[in-house]
Amino acid sequence: EERRNFDLRRLLTGSERLIDHILNFTETEPMYLLSA
């Protein structure tokens, strides 16, 4: 709202591993597919 062109990567630096990891989980762990 304050800065439409804000580069969000600055706030997520170091957290990419969490995104990578949850993507791996959603592809390999059936509990994500079944929401369980």
Full PDB file with SEQRES, HELIX, SHEET, SSBOND, CRYST1, ORIGX, SCALE, CONECT and MASTER records, all heavy atoms in Angstrom:
SEQRES   1 A   36  GLU GLU ARG ARG ASN PHE ASP LEU ARG ARG LEU LEU THR          
SEQRES   2 A   36  GLY SER GLU ARG LEU ILE ASP HIS ILE LEU ASN PHE THR          
SEQRES   3 A   36  GLU THR GLU PRO MET TYR LEU LEU SER ALA                      
HELIX    1 AA1 ARG A    9  LEU A   12  1                                   4    
HELIX    2 AA2 GLU A   16  THR A   28  1                                  13    
HELIX    3 AA3 PRO A   30  LEU A   33  1                                   4    
CRYST1    1.000    1.000    1.000  90.00  90.00  90.00 P 1           1          
ORIGX1      1.000000  0.000000  0.000000        0.00000                         
ORIGX2      0.000000  1.000000  0.000000        0.00000                         
ORIGX3      0.000000  0.000000  1.000000        0.00000                         
SCALE1      1.000000  0.000000  0.000000        0.00000                         
SCALE2      0.000000  1.000000  0.000000        0.00000                         
SCALE3      0.000000  0.000000  1.000000        0.00000                         
ATOM      1  N   GLU A   1       0.831  -1.202   0.000  1.00  0.00           N  
ATOM      2  CA  GLU A   1       0.000   0.000   0.000  1.00  0.00           C  
ATOM      3  C   GLU A   1       0.862   1.248   0.000  1.00  0.00           C  
ATOM      4  O   GLU A   1       0.531   2.260  -0.633  1.00  0.00           O  
ATOM      5  CB  GLU A   1      -0.927  -0.001   1.223  1.00  0.00           C  
ATOM      6  CG  GLU A   1      -2.093  -0.959   1.114  1.00  0.00           C  
ATOM      7  CD  GLU A   1      -2.949  -0.961   2.376  1.00  0.00           C  
ATOM      8  OE1 GLU A   1      -2.503  -0.374   3.391  1.00  0.00           O  
ATOM      9  OE2 GLU A   1      -4.050  -1.535   2.340  1.00  0.00           O  
ATOM     10  N   GLU A   2       1.993   1.179   0.703  1.00  0.00           N  
ATOM     11  CA  GLU A   2       2.882   2.338   0.789  1.00  0.00           C  
ATOM     12  C   GLU A   2       3.812   2.445  -0.416  1.00  0.00           C  
ATOM     13  O   GLU A   2       4.141   3.542  -0.857  1.00  0.00           O  
ATOM     14  CB  GLU A   2       3.710   2.257   2.074  1.00  0.00           C  
ATOM     15  CG  GLU A   2       2.859   2.362   3.342  1.00  0.00           C  
ATOM     16  CD  GLU A   2       3.684   2.195   4.606  1.00  0.00           C  
ATOM     17  OE1 GLU A   2       4.886   1.829   4.516  1.00  0.00           O  
ATOM     18  OE2 GLU A   2       3.130   2.415   5.702  1.00  0.00           O  
ATOM     19  N   ARG A   3       4.260   1.276  -0.940  1.00  0.00           N  
ATOM     20  CA  ARG A   3       5.203   1.279  -2.073  1.00  0.00           C  
ATOM     21  C   ARG A   3       4.835   0.143  -3.019  1.00  0.00           C  
ATOM     22  O   ARG A   3       5.190  -1.014  -2.779  1.00  0.00           O  
ATOM     23  CB  ARG A   3       6.643   1.112  -1.583  1.00  0.00           C  
ATOM     24  CG  ARG A   3       7.171   2.312  -0.822  1.00  0.00           C  
ATOM     25  CD  ARG A   3       8.639   2.081  -0.455  1.00  0.00           C  
ATOM     26  NE  ARG A   3       9.463   1.854  -1.639  1.00  0.00           N  
ATOM     27  CZ  ARG A   3      10.732   1.435  -1.567  1.00  0.00           C  
ATOM     28  NH1 ARG A   3      11.296   1.195  -0.401  1.00  0.00           N  
ATOM     29  NH2 ARG A   3      11.416   1.256  -2.685  1.00  0.00           N  
ATOM     30  N   ARG A   4       4.132   0.467  -4.076  1.00  0.00           N  
ATOM     31  CA  ARG A   4       3.654  -0.560  -5.005  1.00  0.00           C  
ATOM     32  C   ARG A   4       4.805  -1.304  -5.656  1.00  0.00           C  
ATOM     33  O   ARG A   4       4.691  -2.493  -5.975  1.00  0.00           O  
ATOM     34  CB  ARG A   4       2.765   0.097  -6.069  1.00  0.00           C  
ATOM     35  CG  ARG A   4       2.116  -0.900  -7.024  1.00  0.00           C  
ATOM     36  CD  ARG A   4       1.093  -0.217  -7.904  1.00  0.00           C  
ATOM     37  NE  ARG A   4       0.485  -1.175  -8.819  1.00  0.00           N  
ATOM     38  CZ  ARG A   4       0.944  -1.433 -10.038  1.00  0.00           C  
ATOM     39  NH1 ARG A   4       2.027  -0.805 -10.481  1.00  0.00           N  
ATOM     40  NH2 ARG A   4       0.324  -2.302 -10.803  1.00  0.00           N  
ATOM     41  N   ASN A   5       5.938  -0.632  -5.863  1.00  0.00           N  
ATOM     42  CA  ASN A   5       7.080  -1.241  -6.545  1.00  0.00           C  
ATOM     43  C   ASN A   5       8.096  -1.837  -5.572  1.00  0.00           C  
ATOM     44  O   ASN A   5       9.241  -2.087  -5.958  1.00  0.00           O  
ATOM     45  CB  ASN A   5       7.778  -0.204  -7.432  1.00  0.00           C  
ATOM     46  CG  ASN A   5       6.962   0.136  -8.666  1.00  0.00           C  
ATOM     47  OD1 ASN A   5       6.331  -0.732  -9.251  1.00  0.00           O  
ATOM     48  ND2 ASN A   5       6.969   1.405  -9.040  1.00  0.00           N  
ATOM     49  N   PHE A   6       7.704  -2.079  -4.357  1.00  0.00           N  
ATOM     50  CA  PHE A   6       8.631  -2.607  -3.350  1.00  0.00           C  
ATOM     51  C   PHE A   6       9.188  -3.969  -3.786  1.00  0.00           C  
ATOM     52  O   PHE A   6       8.457  -4.807  -4.331  1.00  0.00           O  
ATOM     53  CB  PHE A   6       7.905  -2.751  -2.011  1.00  0.00           C  
ATOM     54  CG  PHE A   6       8.801  -3.195  -0.887  1.00  0.00           C  
ATOM     55  CD1 PHE A   6       9.628  -2.307  -0.234  1.00  0.00           C  
ATOM     56  CD2 PHE A   6       8.813  -4.538  -0.492  1.00  0.00           C  
ATOM     57  CE1 PHE A   6      10.444  -2.719   0.804  1.00  0.00           C  
ATOM     58  CE2 PHE A   6       9.628  -4.964   0.542  1.00  0.00           C  
ATOM     59  CZ  PHE A   6      10.452  -4.052   1.194  1.00  0.00           C  
ATOM     60  N   ASP A   7      10.487  -4.165  -3.549  1.00  0.00           N  
ATOM     61  CA  ASP A   7      11.146  -5.442  -3.863  1.00  0.00           C  
ATOM     62  C   ASP A   7      11.031  -6.349  -2.641  1.00  0.00           C  
ATOM     63  O   ASP A   7      11.790  -6.221  -1.679  1.00  0.00           O  
ATOM     64  CB  ASP A   7      12.608  -5.202  -4.222  1.00  0.00           C  
ATOM     65  CG  ASP A   7      13.287  -6.480  -4.733  1.00  0.00           C  
ATOM     66  OD1 ASP A   7      12.685  -7.573  -4.619  1.00  0.00           O  
ATOM     67  OD2 ASP A   7      14.425  -6.391  -5.231  1.00  0.00           O  
ATOM     68  N   LEU A   8      10.076  -7.273  -2.683  1.00  0.00           N  
ATOM     69  CA  LEU A   8       9.796  -8.124  -1.519  1.00  0.00           C  
ATOM     70  C   LEU A   8      10.949  -9.065  -1.179  1.00  0.00           C  
ATOM     71  O   LEU A   8      11.040  -9.571  -0.060  1.00  0.00           O  
ATOM     72  CB  LEU A   8       8.517  -8.930  -1.782  1.00  0.00           C  
ATOM     73  CG  LEU A   8       7.889  -9.649  -0.580  1.00  0.00           C  
ATOM     74  CD1 LEU A   8       7.474  -8.654   0.497  1.00  0.00           C  
ATOM     75  CD2 LEU A   8       6.676 -10.481  -1.025  1.00  0.00           C  
ATOM     76  N   ARG A   9      11.845  -9.281  -2.113  1.00  0.00           N  
ATOM     77  CA  ARG A   9      12.976 -10.180  -1.856  1.00  0.00           C  
ATOM     78  C   ARG A   9      13.823  -9.706  -0.687  1.00  0.00           C  
ATOM     79  O   ARG A   9      14.459 -10.505   0.000  1.00  0.00           O  
ATOM     80  CB  ARG A   9      13.833 -10.323  -3.114  1.00  0.00           C  
ATOM     81  CG  ARG A   9      13.188 -11.136  -4.211  1.00  0.00           C  
ATOM     82  CD  ARG A   9      14.063 -11.200  -5.440  1.00  0.00           C  
ATOM     83  NE  ARG A   9      14.206  -9.884  -6.069  1.00  0.00           N  
ATOM     84  CZ  ARG A   9      14.926  -9.668  -7.161  1.00  0.00           C  
ATOM     85  NH1 ARG A   9      15.599 -10.667  -7.711  1.00  0.00           N  
ATOM     86  NH2 ARG A   9      14.999  -8.456  -7.694  1.00  0.00           N  
ATOM     87  N   ARG A  10      13.829  -8.404  -0.432  1.00  0.00           N  
ATOM     88  CA  ARG A  10      14.631  -7.862   0.666  1.00  0.00           C  
ATOM     89  C   ARG A  10      14.146  -8.382   2.012  1.00  0.00           C  
ATOM     90  O   ARG A  10      14.944  -8.605   2.923  1.00  0.00           O  
ATOM     91  CB  ARG A  10      14.581  -6.334   0.655  1.00  0.00           C  
ATOM     92  CG  ARG A  10      15.423  -5.713  -0.457  1.00  0.00           C  
ATOM     93  CD  ARG A  10      15.547  -4.218  -0.248  1.00  0.00           C  
ATOM     94  NE  ARG A  10      14.353  -3.511  -0.694  1.00  0.00           N  
ATOM     95  CZ  ARG A  10      14.117  -2.227  -0.433  1.00  0.00           C  
ATOM     96  NH1 ARG A  10      14.973  -1.532   0.278  1.00  0.00           N  
ATOM     97  NH2 ARG A  10      13.038  -1.651  -0.891  1.00  0.00           N  
ATOM     98  N   LEU A  11      12.852  -8.562   2.147  1.00  0.00           N  
ATOM     99  CA  LEU A  11      12.304  -9.063   3.404  1.00  0.00           C  
ATOM    100  C   LEU A  11      12.327 -10.590   3.486  1.00  0.00           C  
ATOM    101  O   LEU A  11      12.246 -11.142   4.578  1.00  0.00           O  
ATOM    102  CB  LEU A  11      10.865  -8.564   3.596  1.00  0.00           C  
ATOM    103  CG  LEU A  11      10.696  -7.073   3.845  1.00  0.00           C  
ATOM    104  CD1 LEU A  11       9.219  -6.738   4.031  1.00  0.00           C  
ATOM    105  CD2 LEU A  11      11.494  -6.620   5.061  1.00  0.00           C  
ATOM    106  N   LEU A  12      12.424 -11.241   2.349  1.00  0.00           N  
ATOM    107  CA  LEU A  12      12.405 -12.709   2.340  1.00  0.00           C  
ATOM    108  C   LEU A  12      13.805 -13.313   2.255  1.00  0.00           C  
ATOM    109  O   LEU A  12      13.935 -14.541   2.218  1.00  0.00           O  
ATOM    110  CB  LEU A  12      11.567 -13.211   1.158  1.00  0.00           C  
ATOM    111  CG  LEU A  12      10.073 -12.883   1.198  1.00  0.00           C  
ATOM    112  CD1 LEU A  12       9.391 -13.388  -0.059  1.00  0.00           C  
ATOM    113  CD2 LEU A  12       9.410 -13.473   2.436  1.00  0.00           C  
ATOM    114  N   THR A  13      14.834 -12.482   2.237  1.00  0.00           N  
ATOM    115  CA  THR A  13      16.203 -12.995   2.157  1.00  0.00           C  
ATOM    116  C   THR A  13      16.475 -13.973   3.300  1.00  0.00           C  
ATOM    117  O   THR A  13      16.239 -13.661   4.471  1.00  0.00           O  
ATOM    118  CB  THR A  13      17.223 -11.839   2.226  1.00  0.00           C  
ATOM    119  OG1 THR A  13      17.000 -10.961   1.126  1.00  0.00           O  
ATOM    120  CG2 THR A  13      18.647 -12.376   2.163  1.00  0.00           C  
ATOM    121  N   GLY A  14      16.942 -15.162   2.949  1.00  0.00           N  
ATOM    122  CA  GLY A  14      17.195 -16.197   3.945  1.00  0.00           C  
ATOM    123  C   GLY A  14      16.013 -17.119   4.177  1.00  0.00           C  
ATOM    124  O   GLY A  14      16.161 -18.185   4.791  1.00  0.00           O  
ATOM    125  N   SER A  15      14.843 -16.712   3.693  1.00  0.00           N  
ATOM    126  CA  SER A  15      13.634 -17.530   3.888  1.00  0.00           C  
ATOM    127  C   SER A  15      13.279 -18.353   2.663  1.00  0.00           C  
ATOM    128  O   SER A  15      12.296 -19.101   2.687  1.00  0.00           O  
ATOM    129  CB  SER A  15      12.439 -16.627   4.255  1.00  0.00           C  
ATOM    130  OG  SER A  15      12.689 -15.912   5.435  1.00  0.00           O  
ATOM    131  N   GLU A  16      14.080 -18.211   1.594  1.00  0.00           N  
ATOM    132  CA  GLU A  16      13.794 -18.980   0.380  1.00  0.00           C  
ATOM    133  C   GLU A  16      13.818 -20.476   0.654  1.00  0.00           C  
ATOM    134  O   GLU A  16      13.081 -21.239   0.025  1.00  0.00           O  
ATOM    135  CB  GLU A  16      14.816 -18.642  -0.715  1.00  0.00           C  
ATOM    136  CG  GLU A  16      14.799 -17.193  -1.161  1.00  0.00           C  
ATOM    137  CD  GLU A  16      15.761 -16.332  -0.363  1.00  0.00           C  
ATOM    138  OE1 GLU A  16      16.220 -16.785   0.712  1.00  0.00           O  
ATOM    139  OE2 GLU A  16      16.045 -15.219  -0.823  1.00  0.00           O  
ATOM    140  N   ARG A  17      14.668 -20.891   1.602  1.00  0.00           N  
ATOM    141  CA  ARG A  17      14.757 -22.324   1.928  1.00  0.00           C  
ATOM    142  C   ARG A  17      13.428 -22.847   2.443  1.00  0.00           C  
ATOM    143  O   ARG A  17      13.078 -24.016   2.211  1.00  0.00           O  
ATOM    144  CB  ARG A  17      15.853 -22.569   2.971  1.00  0.00           C  
ATOM    145  CG  ARG A  17      15.624 -21.848   4.279  1.00  0.00           C  
ATOM    146  CD  ARG A  17      16.735 -22.019   5.294  1.00  0.00           C  
ATOM    147  NE  ARG A  17      16.516 -21.170   6.449  1.00  0.00           N  
ATOM    148  CZ  ARG A  17      15.675 -21.469   7.432  1.00  0.00           C  
ATOM    149  NH1 ARG A  17      15.000 -22.612   7.407  1.00  0.00           N  
ATOM    150  NH2 ARG A  17      15.508 -20.646   8.448  1.00  0.00           N  
ATOM    151  N   LEU A  18      12.669 -22.007   3.155  1.00  0.00           N  
ATOM    152  CA  LEU A  18      11.359 -22.441   3.643  1.00  0.00           C  
ATOM    153  C   LEU A  18      10.388 -22.654   2.494  1.00  0.00           C  
ATOM    154  O   LEU A  18       9.593 -23.602   2.500  1.00  0.00           O  
ATOM    155  CB  LEU A  18      10.794 -21.425   4.637  1.00  0.00           C  
ATOM    156  CG  LEU A  18      11.530 -21.286   5.968  1.00  0.00           C  
ATOM    157  CD1 LEU A  18      10.950 -20.123   6.770  1.00  0.00           C  
ATOM    158  CD2 LEU A  18      11.448 -22.581   6.772  1.00  0.00           C  
ATOM    159  N   ILE A  19      10.443 -21.769   1.492  1.00  0.00           N  
ATOM    160  CA  ILE A  19       9.578 -21.925   0.313  1.00  0.00           C  
ATOM    161  C   ILE A  19       9.998 -23.159  -0.478  1.00  0.00           C  
ATOM    162  O   ILE A  19       9.160 -23.965  -0.893  1.00  0.00           O  
ATOM    163  CB  ILE A  19       9.624 -20.655  -0.555  1.00  0.00           C  
ATOM    164  CG1 ILE A  19       9.115 -19.452   0.242  1.00  0.00           C  
ATOM    165  CG2 ILE A  19       8.786 -20.855  -1.819  1.00  0.00           C  
ATOM    166  CD1 ILE A  19       9.237 -18.131  -0.495  1.00  0.00           C  
ATOM    167  N   ASP A  20      11.315 -23.303  -0.702  1.00  0.00           N  
ATOM    168  CA  ASP A  20      11.813 -24.486  -1.408  1.00  0.00           C  
ATOM    169  C   ASP A  20      11.371 -25.759  -0.688  1.00  0.00           C  
ATOM    170  O   ASP A  20      10.924 -26.731  -1.315  1.00  0.00           O  
ATOM    171  CB  ASP A  20      13.341 -24.468  -1.487  1.00  0.00           C  
ATOM    172  CG  ASP A  20      13.873 -23.367  -2.389  1.00  0.00           C  
ATOM    173  OD1 ASP A  20      13.100 -22.879  -3.233  1.00  0.00           O  
ATOM    174  OD2 ASP A  20      15.053 -23.012  -2.236  1.00  0.00           O  
ATOM    175  N   HIS A  21      11.498 -25.736   0.617  1.00  0.00           N  
ATOM    176  CA  HIS A  21      11.221 -26.935   1.418  1.00  0.00           C  
ATOM    177  C   HIS A  21       9.748 -27.299   1.386  1.00  0.00           C  
ATOM    178  O   HIS A  21       9.382 -28.477   1.266  1.00  0.00           O  
ATOM    179  CB  HIS A  21      11.688 -26.699   2.858  1.00  0.00           C  
ATOM    180  CG  HIS A  21      12.051 -27.942   3.595  1.00  0.00           C  
ATOM    181  ND1 HIS A  21      11.132 -28.665   4.333  1.00  0.00           N  
ATOM    182  CD2 HIS A  21      13.219 -28.623   3.705  1.00  0.00           C  
ATOM    183  CE1 HIS A  21      11.729 -29.720   4.874  1.00  0.00           C  
ATOM    184  NE2 HIS A  21      12.997 -29.721   4.512  1.00  0.00           N  
ATOM    185  N   ILE A  22       8.884 -26.300   1.478  1.00  0.00           N  
ATOM    186  CA  ILE A  22       7.453 -26.622   1.492  1.00  0.00           C  
ATOM    187  C   ILE A  22       6.997 -27.089   0.114  1.00  0.00           C  
ATOM    188  O   ILE A  22       6.078 -27.926  -0.003  1.00  0.00           O  
ATOM    189  CB  ILE A  22       6.602 -25.449   2.002  1.00  0.00           C  
ATOM    190  CG1 ILE A  22       5.281 -25.988   2.567  1.00  0.00           C  
ATOM    191  CG2 ILE A  22       6.328 -24.407   0.923  1.00  0.00           C  
ATOM    192  CD1 ILE A  22       4.557 -25.060   3.484  1.00  0.00           C  
ATOM    193  N   LEU A  23       7.639 -26.600  -0.955  1.00  0.00           N  
ATOM    194  CA  LEU A  23       7.322 -27.115  -2.286  1.00  0.00           C  
ATOM    195  C   LEU A  23       7.725 -28.585  -2.399  1.00  0.00           C  
ATOM    196  O   LEU A  23       6.970 -29.401  -2.953  1.00  0.00           O  
ATOM    197  CB  LEU A  23       8.029 -26.286  -3.354  1.00  0.00           C  
ATOM    198  CG  LEU A  23       7.358 -24.959  -3.708  1.00  0.00           C  
ATOM    199  CD1 LEU A  23       8.259 -24.114  -4.584  1.00  0.00           C  
ATOM    200  CD2 LEU A  23       6.020 -25.198  -4.397  1.00  0.00           C  
ATOM    201  N   ASN A  24       8.888 -28.930  -1.871  1.00  0.00           N  
ATOM    202  CA  ASN A  24       9.302 -30.342  -1.872  1.00  0.00           C  
ATOM    203  C   ASN A  24       8.334 -31.189  -1.064  1.00  0.00           C  
ATOM    204  O   ASN A  24       7.979 -32.307  -1.461  1.00  0.00           O  
ATOM    205  CB  ASN A  24      10.718 -30.476  -1.308  1.00  0.00           C  
ATOM    206  CG  ASN A  24      11.768 -29.888  -2.225  1.00  0.00           C  
ATOM    207  OD1 ASN A  24      11.550 -29.788  -3.428  1.00  0.00           O  
ATOM    208  ND2 ASN A  24      12.886 -29.479  -1.671  1.00  0.00           N  
ATOM    209  N   PHE A  25       7.897 -30.666   0.078  1.00  0.00           N  
ATOM    210  CA  PHE A  25       6.930 -31.382   0.907  1.00  0.00           C  
ATOM    211  C   PHE A  25       5.628 -31.630   0.144  1.00  0.00           C  
ATOM    212  O   PHE A  25       5.073 -32.735   0.176  1.00  0.00           O  
ATOM    213  CB  PHE A  25       6.621 -30.572   2.169  1.00  0.00           C  
ATOM    214  CG  PHE A  25       7.386 -31.006   3.389  1.00  0.00           C  
ATOM    215  CD1 PHE A  25       7.438 -30.187   4.509  1.00  0.00           C  
ATOM    216  CD2 PHE A  25       8.036 -32.229   3.444  1.00  0.00           C  
ATOM    217  CE1 PHE A  25       8.132 -30.582   5.650  1.00  0.00           C  
ATOM    218  CE2 PHE A  25       8.728 -32.624   4.570  1.00  0.00           C  
ATOM    219  CZ  PHE A  25       8.777 -31.793   5.682  1.00  0.00           C  
ATOM    220  N   THR A  26       5.122 -30.586  -0.512  1.00  0.00           N  
ATOM    221  CA  THR A  26       3.825 -30.735  -1.187  1.00  0.00           C  
ATOM    222  C   THR A  26       3.890 -31.745  -2.321  1.00  0.00           C  
ATOM    223  O   THR A  26       2.867 -32.295  -2.727  1.00  0.00           O  
ATOM    224  CB  THR A  26       3.335 -29.385  -1.742  1.00  0.00           C  
ATOM    225  OG1 THR A  26       4.300 -28.861  -2.657  1.00  0.00           O  
ATOM    226  CG2 THR A  26       3.092 -28.384  -0.626  1.00  0.00           C  
ATOM    227  N   GLU A  27       5.090 -31.982  -2.837  1.00  0.00           N  
ATOM    228  CA  GLU A  27       5.239 -32.932  -3.945  1.00  0.00           C  
ATOM    229  C   GLU A  27       5.553 -34.346  -3.488  1.00  0.00           C  
ATOM    230  O   GLU A  27       5.373 -35.298  -4.253  1.00  0.00           O  
ATOM    231  CB  GLU A  27       6.337 -32.437  -4.888  1.00  0.00           C  
ATOM    232  CG  GLU A  27       5.951 -31.185  -5.643  1.00  0.00           C  
ATOM    233  CD  GLU A  27       7.075 -30.639  -6.499  1.00  0.00           C  
ATOM    234  OE1 GLU A  27       8.243 -31.037  -6.297  1.00  0.00           O  
ATOM    235  OE2 GLU A  27       6.786 -29.812  -7.375  1.00  0.00           O  
ATOM    236  N   THR A  28       6.022 -34.511  -2.265  1.00  0.00           N  
ATOM    237  CA  THR A  28       6.446 -35.839  -1.818  1.00  0.00           C  
ATOM    238  C   THR A  28       5.642 -36.381  -0.646  1.00  0.00           C  
ATOM    239  O   THR A  28       5.602 -37.594  -0.439  1.00  0.00           O  
ATOM    240  CB  THR A  28       7.934 -35.821  -1.408  1.00  0.00           C  
ATOM    241  OG1 THR A  28       8.131 -34.856  -0.361  1.00  0.00           O  
ATOM    242  CG2 THR A  28       8.814 -35.447  -2.594  1.00  0.00           C  
ATOM    243  N   GLU A  29       5.000 -35.520   0.130  1.00  0.00           N  
ATOM    244  CA  GLU A  29       4.261 -35.954   1.313  1.00  0.00           C  
ATOM    245  C   GLU A  29       2.758 -35.961   1.025  1.00  0.00           C  
ATOM    246  O   GLU A  29       2.171 -34.916   0.766  1.00  0.00           O  
ATOM    247  CB  GLU A  29       4.554 -35.026   2.497  1.00  0.00           C  
ATOM    248  CG  GLU A  29       5.939 -35.178   3.081  1.00  0.00           C  
ATOM    249  CD  GLU A  29       6.065 -36.450   3.909  1.00  0.00           C  
ATOM    250  OE1 GLU A  29       5.036 -37.074   4.210  1.00  0.00           O  
ATOM    251  OE2 GLU A  29       7.195 -36.810   4.254  1.00  0.00           O  
ATOM    252  N   PRO A  30       2.111 -37.117   1.090  1.00  0.00           N  
ATOM    253  CA  PRO A  30       0.673 -37.159   0.792  1.00  0.00           C  
ATOM    254  C   PRO A  30      -0.186 -36.382   1.775  1.00  0.00           C  
ATOM    255  O   PRO A  30      -1.323 -36.046   1.463  1.00  0.00           O  
ATOM    256  CB  PRO A  30       0.357 -38.659   0.845  1.00  0.00           C  
ATOM    257  CG  PRO A  30       1.465 -39.288   1.626  1.00  0.00           C  
ATOM    258  CD  PRO A  30       2.674 -38.455   1.349  1.00  0.00           C  
ATOM    259  N   MET A  31       0.354 -36.062   2.967  1.00  0.00           N  
ATOM    260  CA  MET A  31      -0.480 -35.332   3.927  1.00  0.00           C  
ATOM    261  C   MET A  31      -0.810 -33.936   3.418  1.00  0.00           C  
ATOM    262  O   MET A  31      -1.817 -33.346   3.817  1.00  0.00           O  
ATOM    263  CB  MET A  31       0.201 -35.254   5.299  1.00  0.00           C  
ATOM    264  CG  MET A  31       1.518 -34.554   5.370  1.00  0.00           C  
ATOM    265  SD  MET A  31       2.166 -34.619   7.071  1.00  0.00           S  
ATOM    266  CE  MET A  31       3.746 -33.783   6.864  1.00  0.00           C  
ATOM    267  N   TYR A  32       0.016 -33.386   2.512  1.00  0.00           N  
ATOM    268  CA  TYR A  32      -0.304 -32.081   1.935  1.00  0.00           C  
ATOM    269  C   TYR A  32      -1.418 -32.212   0.903  1.00  0.00           C  
ATOM    270  O   TYR A  32      -2.327 -31.388   0.853  1.00  0.00           O  
ATOM    271  CB  TYR A  32       0.945 -31.463   1.307  1.00  0.00           C  
ATOM    272  CG  TYR A  32       1.927 -30.972   2.340  1.00  0.00           C  
ATOM    273  CD1 TYR A  32       2.782 -31.860   2.992  1.00  0.00           C  
ATOM    274  CD2 TYR A  32       1.982 -29.634   2.693  1.00  0.00           C  
ATOM    275  CE1 TYR A  32       3.673 -31.424   3.955  1.00  0.00           C  
ATOM    276  CE2 TYR A  32       2.868 -29.177   3.651  1.00  0.00           C  
ATOM    277  CZ  TYR A  32       3.712 -30.080   4.285  1.00  0.00           C  
ATOM    278  OH  TYR A  32       4.592 -29.642   5.250  1.00  0.00           O  
ATOM    279  N   LEU A  33      -1.358 -33.244   0.093  1.00  0.00           N  
ATOM    280  CA  LEU A  33      -2.418 -33.492  -0.884  1.00  0.00           C  
ATOM    281  C   LEU A  33      -3.761 -33.699  -0.197  1.00  0.00           C  
ATOM    282  O   LEU A  33      -4.792 -33.206  -0.655  1.00  0.00           O  
ATOM    283  CB  LEU A  33      -2.070 -34.720  -1.731  1.00  0.00           C  
ATOM    284  CG  LEU A  33      -3.125 -35.196  -2.724  1.00  0.00           C  
ATOM    285  CD1 LEU A  33      -3.335 -34.163  -3.823  1.00  0.00           C  
ATOM    286  CD2 LEU A  33      -2.734 -36.544  -3.325  1.00  0.00           C  
ATOM    287  N   LEU A  34      -3.749 -34.419   0.936  1.00  0.00           N  
ATOM    288  CA  LEU A  34      -4.993 -34.773   1.617  1.00  0.00           C  
ATOM    289  C   LEU A  34      -5.363 -33.806   2.739  1.00  0.00           C  
ATOM    290  O   LEU A  34      -6.356 -34.021   3.432  1.00  0.00           O  
ATOM    291  CB  LEU A  34      -4.878 -36.187   2.198  1.00  0.00           C  
ATOM    292  CG  LEU A  34      -4.616 -37.320   1.207  1.00  0.00           C  
ATOM    293  CD1 LEU A  34      -4.650 -38.670   1.910  1.00  0.00           C  
ATOM    294  CD2 LEU A  34      -5.622 -37.299   0.072  1.00  0.00           C  
ATOM    295  N   SER A  35      -4.554 -32.758   2.932  1.00  0.00           N  
ATOM    296  CA  SER A  35      -4.809 -31.786   4.011  1.00  0.00           C  
ATOM    297  C   SER A  35      -4.978 -32.496   5.352  1.00  0.00           C  
ATOM    298  O   SER A  35      -5.981 -32.335   6.055  1.00  0.00           O  
ATOM    299  CB  SER A  35      -6.043 -30.938   3.687  1.00  0.00           C  
ATOM    300  OG  SER A  35      -5.845 -30.206   2.497  1.00  0.00           O  
ATOM    301  N   ALA A  36      -3.984 -33.291   5.700  1.00  0.00           N  
ATOM    302  CA  ALA A  36      -4.042 -34.096   6.920  1.00  0.00           C  
ATOM    303  C   ALA A  36      -2.664 -34.141   7.561  1.00  0.00           C  
ATOM    304  O   ALA A  36      -1.669 -33.706   6.992  1.00  0.00           O  
ATOM    305  CB  ALA A  36      -4.526 -35.510   6.593  1.00  0.00           C  
TER     306      ALA A  36                                                      
MASTER        0    0    0    3    0    0    0    6  305    1    0    3          
END                                                                             
